[in-house]
Amino acid sequence: MPDLPLVEVAAAVLIRSDGNFLLTCRPADKPYAGYWEFPGGKIETGESPVQALSRELDEELGITLDKATPWLTRLFSYPHATVRLRFYRVISWQGEPVPREQQLLAWQTADNVTVSPLLPANTPILRSLALPSIYAITRAAEAGVEASLLSIRQAFQSGIKLLQIREKTMPPDQLECYVQTVLQLARNHQATVLLNGNIALAQTVQADGVHLTSTQLLSLTARPTVNWCSASCHNAEELKRAEQLGVDFVTLSPVCPTFSHPGAPSLGWDKFSALLRDYPLPVYALGGLLPADLAIAQEHGAHGIAMMRGI
């Protein structure tokens, strides 16, 4: 059987200021008519993905692209071809989207998609869209438990929705008590909490998930049975293993010099971006970053930033 042709496609995740994103329904004169998808289309010869995206958004929706940041790249095999979808996040454009091809349009939220069916290649993107742009990490061992809990409470009140409990030196009994307290705070603010490395405790206390260490990532043969699973990555090998294991997202570090290891080698943004090329999972940049670094991280392909000192 001959290899299927590879079709390069650029797709736009248009996100309004309220967080809603746009899906469009394929019109009757196109293959897979009636299926919903993110707007975009084939990258023509000589076009860059962003150029293709700009053209398609004008042709399909009558809007002018201001800026697009690279996000995820996913391969999907249809009966007729293998499609490489390059997803870009778009938060700035000129004009109001209109159905220039007589297609239906629907603004949706990641936790309540009301249209169906979705093109199969687009479905996994919805879970990734549910992830916030900031991944906060605890540091009770350094700050002290009470100060840490106060910081976490303030972070949740300011809008933090994703937190990793990373307390590797805390005694087991104290850790469980600390985790239970953090979980209660999180529930009060509809925030998600993952435990670093401790799969058993995460399952026992019914945390939202677990964050795998790089050692666990390379040694496990199956994804832990938790709702959310993330992993620490530092190189191409670990990124590939995270993809194979089926985790939901990863951190990639260290991007910049860190306070705790000021002389240690760091990736820098160019290498960070190169490692993310064609990568299918959301990646949080980690290491020496503050909230002000979010924009540059996303320009280099990150979903967001992870940080201990920035909350």
C-alpha atoms as a PDB file:
ATOM      1  CA  MET A   1       0.000   0.000   0.000  1.00  0.00           C
ATOM      2  CA  PRO A   2       1.545   3.360  -1.030  1.00  0.00           C
ATOM      3  CA  ASP A   3       2.315   5.981   1.588  1.00  0.00           C
ATOM      4  CA  LEU A   4      -0.398   8.575   2.011  1.00  0.00           C
ATOM      5  CA  PRO A   5       0.468  12.080   0.806  1.00  0.00           C
ATOM      6  CA  LEU A   6       1.364  14.599   3.509  1.00  0.00           C
ATOM      7  CA  VAL A   7      -0.792  17.719   3.519  1.00  0.00           C
ATOM      8  CA  GLU A   8       0.451  20.723   5.488  1.00  0.00           C
ATOM      9  CA  VAL A   9      -2.351  22.728   7.111  1.00  0.00           C
ATOM     10  CA  ALA A  10      -2.369  25.886   9.226  1.00  0.00           C
ATOM     11  CA  ALA A  11      -5.214  26.238  11.731  1.00  0.00           C
ATOM     12  CA  ALA A  12      -6.184  29.226  13.857  1.00  0.00           C
ATOM     13  CA  VAL A  13      -7.460  29.122  17.411  1.00  0.00           C
ATOM     14  CA  LEU A  14      -9.134  32.530  17.504  1.00  0.00           C
ATOM     15  CA  ILE A  15      -9.581  33.488  21.154  1.00  0.00           C
ATOM     16  CA  ARG A  16     -11.718  36.424  22.255  1.00  0.00           C
ATOM     17  CA  SER A  17     -11.012  38.468  25.365  1.00  0.00           C
ATOM     18  CA  ASP A  18     -13.662  36.433  27.235  1.00  0.00           C
ATOM     19  CA  GLY A  19     -11.769  33.200  26.481  1.00  0.00           C
ATOM     20  CA  ASN A  20     -14.239  31.862  23.922  1.00  0.00           C
ATOM     21  CA  PHE A  21     -12.761  30.383  20.737  1.00  0.00           C
ATOM     22  CA  LEU A  22     -14.195  30.042  17.242  1.00  0.00           C
ATOM     23  CA  LEU A  23     -15.215  26.835  15.475  1.00  0.00           C
ATOM     24  CA  THR A  24     -16.520  26.726  11.915  1.00  0.00           C
ATOM     25  CA  CYS A  25     -18.672  24.115  10.183  1.00  0.00           C
ATOM     26  CA  ARG A  26     -17.439  22.771   6.866  1.00  0.00           C
ATOM     27  CA  PRO A  27     -19.887  23.749   4.079  1.00  0.00           C
ATOM     28  CA  ALA A  28     -21.764  21.288   1.878  1.00  0.00           C
ATOM     29  CA  ASP A  29     -19.367  21.572  -1.079  1.00  0.00           C
ATOM     30  CA  LYS A  30     -16.288  20.421   0.905  1.00  0.00           C
ATOM     31  CA  PRO A  31     -15.145  16.986   2.112  1.00  0.00           C
ATOM     32  CA  TYR A  32     -16.391  16.165   5.618  1.00  0.00           C
ATOM     33  CA  ALA A  33     -19.296  18.574   5.180  1.00  0.00           C
ATOM     34  CA  GLY A  34     -21.075  19.275   8.443  1.00  0.00           C
ATOM     35  CA  TYR A  35     -18.017  18.646  10.611  1.00  0.00           C
ATOM     36  CA  TRP A  36     -16.771  21.403  12.894  1.00  0.00           C
ATOM     37  CA  GLU A  37     -13.157  22.533  12.944  1.00  0.00           C
ATOM     38  CA  PHE A  38     -10.812  25.385  13.718  1.00  0.00           C
ATOM     39  CA  PRO A  39     -10.602  27.790  10.767  1.00  0.00           C
ATOM     40  CA  GLY A  40      -7.619  27.532   8.444  1.00  0.00           C
ATOM     41  CA  GLY A  41      -6.514  25.562   5.434  1.00  0.00           C
ATOM     42  CA  LYS A  42      -3.790  24.090   3.283  1.00  0.00           C
ATOM     43  CA  ILE A  43      -0.379  25.735   3.208  1.00  0.00           C
ATOM     44  CA  GLU A  44       0.328  26.398  -0.459  1.00  0.00           C
ATOM     45  CA  THR A  45       3.746  26.053  -2.070  1.00  0.00           C
ATOM     46  CA  GLY A  46       5.909  29.036  -1.189  1.00  0.00           C
ATOM     47  CA  GLU A  47       3.781  30.069   1.775  1.00  0.00           C
ATOM     48  CA  SER A  48       4.821  30.116   5.401  1.00  0.00           C
ATOM     49  CA  PRO A  49       2.244  28.771   7.868  1.00  0.00           C
ATOM     50  CA  VAL A  50       1.443  32.294   9.063  1.00  0.00           C
ATOM     51  CA  GLN A  51       1.029  33.541   5.492  1.00  0.00           C
ATOM     52  CA  ALA A  52      -1.356  30.668   4.793  1.00  0.00           C
ATOM     53  CA  LEU A  53      -3.255  31.425   7.971  1.00  0.00           C
ATOM     54  CA  SER A  54      -3.567  35.098   7.074  1.00  0.00           C
ATOM     55  CA  ARG A  55      -4.899  34.239   3.605  1.00  0.00           C
ATOM     56  CA  GLU A  56      -7.349  31.624   4.880  1.00  0.00           C
ATOM     57  CA  LEU A  57      -8.756  33.875   7.606  1.00  0.00           C
ATOM     58  CA  ASP A  58      -9.408  36.574   5.033  1.00  0.00           C
ATOM     59  CA  GLU A  59     -10.993  34.132   2.554  1.00  0.00           C
ATOM     60  CA  GLU A  60     -13.101  32.250   5.107  1.00  0.00           C
ATOM     61  CA  LEU A  61     -13.980  34.899   7.677  1.00  0.00           C
ATOM     62  CA  GLY A  62     -13.145  38.312   6.241  1.00  0.00           C
ATOM     63  CA  ILE A  63     -10.761  39.226   9.039  1.00  0.00           C
ATOM     64  CA  THR A  64      -7.199  40.536   8.955  1.00  0.00           C
ATOM     65  CA  LEU A  65      -4.651  38.705  11.080  1.00  0.00           C
ATOM     66  CA  ASP A  66      -2.659  40.916  13.437  1.00  0.00           C
ATOM     67  CA  LYS A  67      -0.509  38.324  15.168  1.00  0.00           C
ATOM     68  CA  ALA A  68      -0.363  34.548  15.548  1.00  0.00           C
ATOM     69  CA  THR A  69       1.812  32.581  17.958  1.00  0.00           C
ATOM     70  CA  PRO A  70       2.793  28.930  17.311  1.00  0.00           C
ATOM     71  CA  TRP A  71       1.128  26.446  19.617  1.00  0.00           C
ATOM     72  CA  LEU A  72       0.799  22.721  18.779  1.00  0.00           C
ATOM     73  CA  THR A  73       1.531  20.552  15.757  1.00  0.00           C
ATOM     74  CA  ARG A  74      -0.400  17.318  15.319  1.00  0.00           C
ATOM     75  CA  LEU A  75      -0.282  14.555  12.695  1.00  0.00           C
ATOM     76  CA  PHE A  76      -3.517  12.821  11.755  1.00  0.00           C
ATOM     77  CA  SER A  77      -4.150  10.155   9.125  1.00  0.00           C
ATOM     78  CA  TYR A  78      -7.359  10.314   7.109  1.00  0.00           C
ATOM     79  CA  PRO A  79      -8.181   7.676   4.466  1.00  0.00           C
ATOM     80  CA  HIS A  80      -7.003  10.001   1.690  1.00  0.00           C
ATOM     81  CA  ALA A  81      -3.971  11.679   3.278  1.00  0.00           C
ATOM     82  CA  THR A  82      -1.896  12.344   6.354  1.00  0.00           C
ATOM     83  CA  VAL A  83      -2.480  15.872   7.601  1.00  0.00           C
ATOM     84  CA  ARG A  84       0.043  17.861   9.608  1.00  0.00           C
ATOM     85  CA  LEU A  85      -1.940  20.515  11.450  1.00  0.00           C
ATOM     86  CA  ARG A  86       0.020  23.500  12.686  1.00  0.00           C
ATOM     87  CA  PHE A  87      -2.139  25.227  15.280  1.00  0.00           C
ATOM     88  CA  TYR A  88      -1.593  28.903  16.028  1.00  0.00           C
ATOM     89  CA  ARG A  89      -3.215  30.924  18.761  1.00  0.00           C
ATOM     90  CA  VAL A  90      -4.663  34.208  17.552  1.00  0.00           C
ATOM     91  CA  ILE A  91      -5.812  36.809  20.055  1.00  0.00           C
ATOM     92  CA  SER A  92      -5.598  39.894  17.845  1.00  0.00           C
ATOM     93  CA  TRP A  93      -7.280  40.489  14.487  1.00  0.00           C
ATOM     94  CA  GLN A  94      -9.096  43.233  12.600  1.00  0.00           C
ATOM     95  CA  GLY A  95     -12.778  42.924  11.735  1.00  0.00           C
ATOM     96  CA  GLU A  96     -15.634  40.726  12.888  1.00  0.00           C
ATOM     97  CA  PRO A  97     -15.669  37.118  11.592  1.00  0.00           C
ATOM     98  CA  VAL A  98     -18.369  36.559   8.975  1.00  0.00           C
ATOM     99  CA  PRO A  99     -19.182  33.325   7.056  1.00  0.00           C
ATOM    100  CA  ARG A 100     -17.756  34.157   3.623  1.00  0.00           C
ATOM    101  CA  GLU A 101     -18.187  30.532   2.485  1.00  0.00           C
ATOM    102  CA  GLN A 102     -21.732  30.216   3.880  1.00  0.00           C
ATOM    103  CA  GLN A 103     -20.377  28.122   6.739  1.00  0.00           C
ATOM    104  CA  LEU A 104     -21.805  28.145  10.252  1.00  0.00           C
ATOM    105  CA  LEU A 105     -19.775  29.831  13.006  1.00  0.00           C
ATOM    106  CA  ALA A 106     -19.885  29.132  16.747  1.00  0.00           C
ATOM    107  CA  TRP A 107     -17.986  30.674  19.662  1.00  0.00           C
ATOM    108  CA  GLN A 108     -17.281  27.962  22.221  1.00  0.00           C
ATOM    109  CA  THR A 109     -15.614  27.296  25.582  1.00  0.00           C
ATOM    110  CA  ALA A 110     -13.264  24.379  26.254  1.00  0.00           C
ATOM    111  CA  ASP A 111     -15.415  22.989  29.063  1.00  0.00           C
ATOM    112  CA  ASN A 112     -18.720  23.247  27.189  1.00  0.00           C
ATOM    113  CA  VAL A 113     -18.538  22.600  23.452  1.00  0.00           C
ATOM    114  CA  THR A 114     -22.104  22.643  22.150  1.00  0.00           C
ATOM    115  CA  VAL A 115     -21.538  21.749  18.480  1.00  0.00           C
ATOM    116  CA  SER A 116     -20.770  18.383  16.886  1.00  0.00           C
ATOM    117  CA  PRO A 117     -19.357  16.407  15.243  1.00  0.00           C
ATOM    118  CA  LEU A 118     -15.793  17.709  15.315  1.00  0.00           C
ATOM    119  CA  LEU A 119     -13.202  16.680  12.777  1.00  0.00           C
ATOM    120  CA  PRO A 120     -11.186  13.919  14.510  1.00  0.00           C
ATOM    121  CA  ALA A 121      -7.902  15.807  14.192  1.00  0.00           C
ATOM    122  CA  ASN A 122      -9.396  18.757  16.083  1.00  0.00           C
ATOM    123  CA  THR A 123     -10.910  16.904  19.046  1.00  0.00           C
ATOM    124  CA  PRO A 124      -7.715  16.504  21.190  1.00  0.00           C
ATOM    125  CA  ILE A 125      -7.112  20.243  20.996  1.00  0.00           C
ATOM    126  CA  LEU A 126     -10.087  20.977  23.243  1.00  0.00           C
ATOM    127  CA  ARG A 127      -8.459  19.446  26.328  1.00  0.00           C
ATOM    128  CA  SER A 128      -5.314  21.468  25.722  1.00  0.00           C
ATOM    129  CA  LEU A 129      -7.368  24.647  25.413  1.00  0.00           C
ATOM    130  CA  ALA A 130      -8.686  24.093  28.934  1.00  0.00           C
ATOM    131  CA  LEU A 131      -5.196  24.671  30.355  1.00  0.00           C
ATOM    132  CA  PRO A 132      -4.449  28.159  31.728  1.00  0.00           C
ATOM    133  CA  SER A 133      -1.368  30.110  30.707  1.00  0.00           C
ATOM    134  CA  ILE A 134       0.240  30.067  34.181  1.00  0.00           C
ATOM    135  CA  TYR A 135       1.348  26.876  35.982  1.00  0.00           C
ATOM    136  CA  ALA A 136       2.245  27.801  39.566  1.00  0.00           C
ATOM    137  CA  ILE A 137       4.572  25.660  41.710  1.00  0.00           C
ATOM    138  CA  THR A 138       4.761  25.599  45.506  1.00  0.00           C
ATOM    139  CA  ARG A 139       7.927  26.238  47.535  1.00  0.00           C
ATOM    140  CA  ALA A 140       6.928  25.600  51.148  1.00  0.00           C
ATOM    141  CA  ALA A 141      10.340  24.110  51.961  1.00  0.00           C
ATOM    142  CA  GLU A 142      11.889  27.509  51.294  1.00  0.00           C
ATOM    143  CA  ALA A 143       9.131  29.903  52.344  1.00  0.00           C
ATOM    144  CA  GLY A 144       7.646  27.904  55.231  1.00  0.00           C
ATOM    145  CA  VAL A 145       4.276  26.158  55.313  1.00  0.00           C
ATOM    146  CA  GLU A 146       2.185  29.054  56.622  1.00  0.00           C
ATOM    147  CA  ALA A 147       3.763  31.571  54.254  1.00  0.00           C
ATOM    148  CA  SER A 148       3.318  29.109  51.398  1.00  0.00           C
ATOM    149  CA  LEU A 149      -0.379  28.603  52.149  1.00  0.00           C
ATOM    150  CA  LEU A 150      -0.913  32.353  52.323  1.00  0.00           C
ATOM    151  CA  SER A 151       0.836  32.767  48.970  1.00  0.00           C
ATOM    152  CA  ILE A 152      -1.284  29.996  47.447  1.00  0.00           C
ATOM    153  CA  ARG A 153      -4.500  31.532  48.777  1.00  0.00           C
ATOM    154  CA  GLN A 154      -3.526  34.894  47.292  1.00  0.00           C
ATOM    155  CA  ALA A 155      -2.580  33.240  43.998  1.00  0.00           C
ATOM    156  CA  PHE A 156      -5.973  31.541  43.726  1.00  0.00           C
ATOM    157  CA  GLN A 157      -7.711  34.809  44.582  1.00  0.00           C
ATOM    158  CA  SER A 158      -5.757  36.556  41.816  1.00  0.00           C
ATOM    159  CA  GLY A 159      -6.856  33.990  39.238  1.00  0.00           C
ATOM    160  CA  ILE A 160      -4.275  31.170  39.266  1.00  0.00           C
ATOM    161  CA  LYS A 161      -6.062  27.992  38.124  1.00  0.00           C
ATOM    162  CA  LEU A 162      -3.268  25.398  37.889  1.00  0.00           C
ATOM    163  CA  LEU A 163      -0.906  24.499  40.738  1.00  0.00           C
ATOM    164  CA  GLN A 164       1.794  21.887  41.254  1.00  0.00           C
ATOM    165  CA  ILE A 165       2.635  20.830  44.806  1.00  0.00           C
ATOM    166  CA  ARG A 166       6.386  20.225  44.721  1.00  0.00           C
ATOM    167  CA  GLU A 167       7.552  19.466  48.262  1.00  0.00           C
ATOM    168  CA  LYS A 168      10.085  16.642  47.956  1.00  0.00           C
ATOM    169  CA  THR A 169      11.633  17.068  51.414  1.00  0.00           C
ATOM    170  CA  MET A 170       8.436  17.435  53.445  1.00  0.00           C
ATOM    171  CA  PRO A 171       7.767  14.506  55.844  1.00  0.00           C
ATOM    172  CA  PRO A 172       4.930  12.228  54.601  1.00  0.00           C
ATOM    173  CA  ASP A 173       2.424  13.033  57.358  1.00  0.00           C
ATOM    174  CA  GLN A 174       3.014  16.758  57.052  1.00  0.00           C
ATOM    175  CA  LEU A 175       2.842  16.534  53.260  1.00  0.00           C
ATOM    176  CA  GLU A 176      -0.561  14.845  53.304  1.00  0.00           C
ATOM    177  CA  CYS A 177      -1.927  17.486  55.662  1.00  0.00           C
ATOM    178  CA  TYR A 178      -0.449  20.254  53.494  1.00  0.00           C
ATOM    179  CA  VAL A 179      -1.902  18.705  50.346  1.00  0.00           C
ATOM    180  CA  GLN A 180      -5.365  18.394  51.896  1.00  0.00           C
ATOM    181  CA  THR A 181      -5.287  22.058  52.891  1.00  0.00           C
ATOM    182  CA  VAL A 182      -4.188  23.155  49.421  1.00  0.00           C
ATOM    183  CA  LEU A 183      -6.874  21.001  47.799  1.00  0.00           C
ATOM    184  CA  GLN A 184      -9.569  22.656  49.910  1.00  0.00           C
ATOM    185  CA  LEU A 185      -8.310  26.088  48.908  1.00  0.00           C
ATOM    186  CA  ALA A 186      -8.266  24.986  45.278  1.00  0.00           C
ATOM    187  CA  ARG A 187     -11.827  23.644  45.394  1.00  0.00           C
ATOM    188  CA  ASN A 188     -13.017  27.004  46.695  1.00  0.00           C
ATOM    189  CA  HIS A 189     -11.573  28.666  43.583  1.00  0.00           C
ATOM    190  CA  GLN A 190     -12.187  25.951  40.941  1.00  0.00           C
ATOM    191  CA  ALA A 191      -8.442  25.446  40.563  1.00  0.00           C
ATOM    192  CA  THR A 192      -6.600  22.284  39.505  1.00  0.00           C
ATOM    193  CA  VAL A 193      -3.879  20.738  41.701  1.00  0.00           C
ATOM    194  CA  LEU A 194      -1.203  18.230  40.652  1.00  0.00           C
ATOM    195  CA  LEU A 195       1.285  16.511  42.972  1.00  0.00           C
ATOM    196  CA  ASN A 196       4.916  16.274  41.946  1.00  0.00           C
ATOM    197  CA  GLY A 197       6.100  12.670  41.747  1.00  0.00           C
ATOM    198  CA  ASN A 198       3.797  11.137  44.357  1.00  0.00           C
ATOM    199  CA  ILE A 199       1.325   9.104  42.311  1.00  0.00           C
ATOM    200  CA  ALA A 200       0.013   7.091  45.266  1.00  0.00           C
ATOM    201  CA  LEU A 201      -0.732  10.161  47.376  1.00  0.00           C
ATOM    202  CA  ALA A 202      -2.345  11.934  44.430  1.00  0.00           C
ATOM    203  CA  GLN A 203      -4.717   9.004  44.015  1.00  0.00           C
ATOM    204  CA  THR A 204      -5.353   8.641  47.765  1.00  0.00           C
ATOM    205  CA  VAL A 205      -6.334  12.275  48.347  1.00  0.00           C
ATOM    206  CA  GLN A 206      -8.071  12.538  44.963  1.00  0.00           C
ATOM    207  CA  ALA A 207      -5.912  15.322  43.662  1.00  0.00           C
ATOM    208  CA  ASP A 208      -6.564  16.394  40.092  1.00  0.00           C
ATOM    209  CA  GLY A 209      -3.426  14.717  38.834  1.00  0.00           C
ATOM    210  CA  VAL A 210       0.287  14.130  39.056  1.00  0.00           C
ATOM    211  CA  HIS A 211       3.388  15.817  37.675  1.00  0.00           C
ATOM    212  CA  LEU A 212       5.999  13.208  36.766  1.00  0.00           C
ATOM    213  CA  THR A 213       9.684  13.763  37.406  1.00  0.00           C
ATOM    214  CA  SER A 214      11.974  13.155  34.443  1.00  0.00           C
ATOM    215  CA  THR A 215      13.156   9.941  36.126  1.00  0.00           C
ATOM    216  CA  GLN A 216       9.580   8.679  36.402  1.00  0.00           C
ATOM    217  CA  LEU A 217       8.889   9.749  32.851  1.00  0.00           C
ATOM    218  CA  LEU A 218      11.708   7.600  31.488  1.00  0.00           C
ATOM    219  CA  SER A 219      10.938   4.582  33.687  1.00  0.00           C
ATOM    220  CA  LEU A 220       7.143   4.286  33.595  1.00  0.00           C
ATOM    221  CA  THR A 221       5.588   2.022  30.980  1.00  0.00           C
ATOM    222  CA  ALA A 222       2.066   3.439  31.226  1.00  0.00           C
ATOM    223  CA  ARG A 223       0.420   6.751  32.031  1.00  0.00           C
ATOM    224  CA  PRO A 224      -0.747   6.924  35.659  1.00  0.00           C
ATOM    225  CA  THR A 225      -4.494   6.623  36.194  1.00  0.00           C
ATOM    226  CA  VAL A 226      -5.248  10.248  37.015  1.00  0.00           C
ATOM    227  CA  ASN A 227      -7.288  12.972  35.362  1.00  0.00           C
ATOM    228  CA  TRP A 228      -4.358  15.241  34.538  1.00  0.00           C
ATOM    229  CA  CYS A 229      -0.779  14.078  34.012  1.00  0.00           C
ATOM    230  CA  SER A 230       2.149  16.367  33.267  1.00  0.00           C
ATOM    231  CA  ALA A 231       5.889  15.763  33.189  1.00  0.00           C
ATOM    232  CA  SER A 232       9.245  17.489  33.617  1.00  0.00           C
ATOM    233  CA  CYS A 233      11.327  17.594  30.436  1.00  0.00           C
ATOM    234  CA  HIS A 234      14.767  19.005  29.738  1.00  0.00           C
ATOM    235  CA  ASN A 235      15.683  17.649  26.296  1.00  0.00           C
ATOM    236  CA  ALA A 236      14.365  16.062  23.101  1.00  0.00           C
ATOM    237  CA  GLU A 237      14.469  12.520  24.510  1.00  0.00           C
ATOM    238  CA  GLU A 238      12.227  13.404  27.436  1.00  0.00           C
ATOM    239  CA  LEU A 239       9.844  15.378  25.239  1.00  0.00           C
ATOM    240  CA  LYS A 240       9.471  12.366  22.953  1.00  0.00           C
ATOM    241  CA  ARG A 241       8.871  10.027  25.880  1.00  0.00           C
ATOM    242  CA  ALA A 242       6.175  12.328  27.267  1.00  0.00           C
ATOM    243  CA  GLU A 243       4.425  12.190  23.912  1.00  0.00           C
ATOM    244  CA  GLN A 244       4.666   8.385  23.830  1.00  0.00           C
ATOM    245  CA  LEU A 245       3.374   8.033  27.393  1.00  0.00           C
ATOM    246  CA  GLY A 246       0.356  10.178  26.602  1.00  0.00           C
ATOM    247  CA  VAL A 247       0.739  12.898  29.215  1.00  0.00           C
ATOM    248  CA  ASP A 248      -1.443  15.977  28.888  1.00  0.00           C
ATOM    249  CA  PHE A 249       1.271  18.628  28.982  1.00  0.00           C
ATOM    250  CA  VAL A 250       4.910  19.145  29.980  1.00  0.00           C
ATOM    251  CA  THR A 251       7.301  21.666  31.432  1.00  0.00           C
ATOM    252  CA  LEU A 252      10.567  22.324  29.580  1.00  0.00           C
ATOM    253  CA  SER A 253      13.455  23.735  31.584  1.00  0.00           C
ATOM    254  CA  PRO A 254      15.584  25.552  32.425  1.00  0.00           C
ATOM    255  CA  VAL A 255      14.854  28.264  29.882  1.00  0.00           C
ATOM    256  CA  CYS A 256      16.733  31.024  31.710  1.00  0.00           C
ATOM    257  CA  PRO A 257      19.226  31.086  34.593  1.00  0.00           C
ATOM    258  CA  THR A 258      17.456  30.397  37.874  1.00  0.00           C
ATOM    259  CA  PHE A 259      17.813  31.914  41.334  1.00  0.00           C
ATOM    260  CA  SER A 260      18.530  28.485  42.843  1.00  0.00           C
ATOM    261  CA  HIS A 261      21.122  27.492  40.196  1.00  0.00           C
ATOM    262  CA  PRO A 262      22.554  30.779  38.859  1.00  0.00           C
ATOM    263  CA  GLY A 263      25.564  29.194  37.153  1.00  0.00           C
ATOM    264  CA  ALA A 264      23.835  26.178  35.618  1.00  0.00           C
ATOM    265  CA  PRO A 265      23.441  25.951  31.817  1.00  0.00           C
ATOM    266  CA  SER A 266      20.085  27.091  30.456  1.00  0.00           C
ATOM    267  CA  LEU A 267      18.341  26.451  27.138  1.00  0.00           C
ATOM    268  CA  GLY A 268      17.704  30.018  26.028  1.00  0.00           C
ATOM    269  CA  TRP A 269      14.725  30.909  23.853  1.00  0.00           C
ATOM    270  CA  ASP A 270      16.212  29.789  20.522  1.00  0.00           C
ATOM    271  CA  LYS A 271      16.887  26.232  21.697  1.00  0.00           C
ATOM    272  CA  PHE A 272      13.569  26.151  23.537  1.00  0.00           C
ATOM    273  CA  SER A 273      11.778  27.068  20.313  1.00  0.00           C
ATOM    274  CA  ALA A 274      13.747  24.516  18.286  1.00  0.00           C
ATOM    275  CA  LEU A 275      12.837  21.707  20.701  1.00  0.00           C
ATOM    276  CA  LEU A 276       9.154  22.603  20.359  1.00  0.00           C
ATOM    277  CA  ARG A 277       9.073  22.509  16.573  1.00  0.00           C
ATOM    278  CA  ASP A 278       6.398  20.018  15.415  1.00  0.00           C
ATOM    279  CA  TYR A 279       5.603  19.086  19.038  1.00  0.00           C
ATOM    280  CA  PRO A 280       2.006  17.966  19.749  1.00  0.00           C
ATOM    281  CA  LEU A 281       1.670  18.666  23.488  1.00  0.00           C
ATOM    282  CA  PRO A 282       1.229  21.953  25.357  1.00  0.00           C
ATOM    283  CA  VAL A 283       4.540  23.063  26.864  1.00  0.00           C
ATOM    284  CA  TYR A 284       5.084  25.352  29.824  1.00  0.00           C
ATOM    285  CA  ALA A 285       8.394  27.207  29.823  1.00  0.00           C
ATOM    286  CA  LEU A 286      10.107  26.894  33.220  1.00  0.00           C
ATOM    287  CA  GLY A 287      13.213  28.372  34.799  1.00  0.00           C
ATOM    288  CA  GLY A 288      13.940  31.954  35.811  1.00  0.00           C
ATOM    289  CA  LEU A 289      10.634  33.311  34.495  1.00  0.00           C
ATOM    290  CA  LEU A 290       8.096  35.832  35.793  1.00  0.00           C
ATOM    291  CA  PRO A 291       4.577  36.743  34.586  1.00  0.00           C
ATOM    292  CA  ALA A 292       6.064  39.450  32.360  1.00  0.00           C
ATOM    293  CA  ASP A 293       7.791  36.691  30.343  1.00  0.00           C
ATOM    294  CA  LEU A 294       4.516  35.094  29.195  1.00  0.00           C
ATOM    295  CA  ALA A 295       4.360  36.919  25.862  1.00  0.00           C
ATOM    296  CA  ILE A 296       7.907  36.027  24.804  1.00  0.00           C
ATOM    297  CA  ALA A 297       7.343  32.420  25.889  1.00  0.00           C
ATOM    298  CA  GLN A 298       4.255  32.134  23.702  1.00  0.00           C
ATOM    299  CA  GLU A 299       6.052  33.775  20.787  1.00  0.00           C
ATOM    300  CA  HIS A 300       8.521  30.872  21.008  1.00  0.00           C
ATOM    301  CA  GLY A 301       5.827  28.186  21.028  1.00  0.00           C
ATOM    302  CA  ALA A 302       5.025  27.770  24.711  1.00  0.00           C
ATOM    303  CA  HIS A 303       1.494  27.255  25.934  1.00  0.00           C
ATOM    304  CA  GLY A 304       2.422  29.302  28.977  1.00  0.00           C
ATOM    305  CA  ILE A 305       4.945  29.628  31.775  1.00  0.00           C
ATOM    306  CA  ALA A 306       5.541  27.661  34.976  1.00  0.00           C
ATOM    307  CA  MET A 307       7.087  29.358  37.968  1.00  0.00           C
ATOM    308  CA  MET A 308       7.757  29.177  41.684  1.00  0.00           C
ATOM    309  CA  ARG A 309       8.782  32.735  42.483  1.00  0.00           C
ATOM    310  CA  GLY A 310       6.317  34.529  40.246  1.00  0.00           C
ATOM    311  CA  ILE A 311       3.172  33.857  42.273  1.00  0.00           C
END
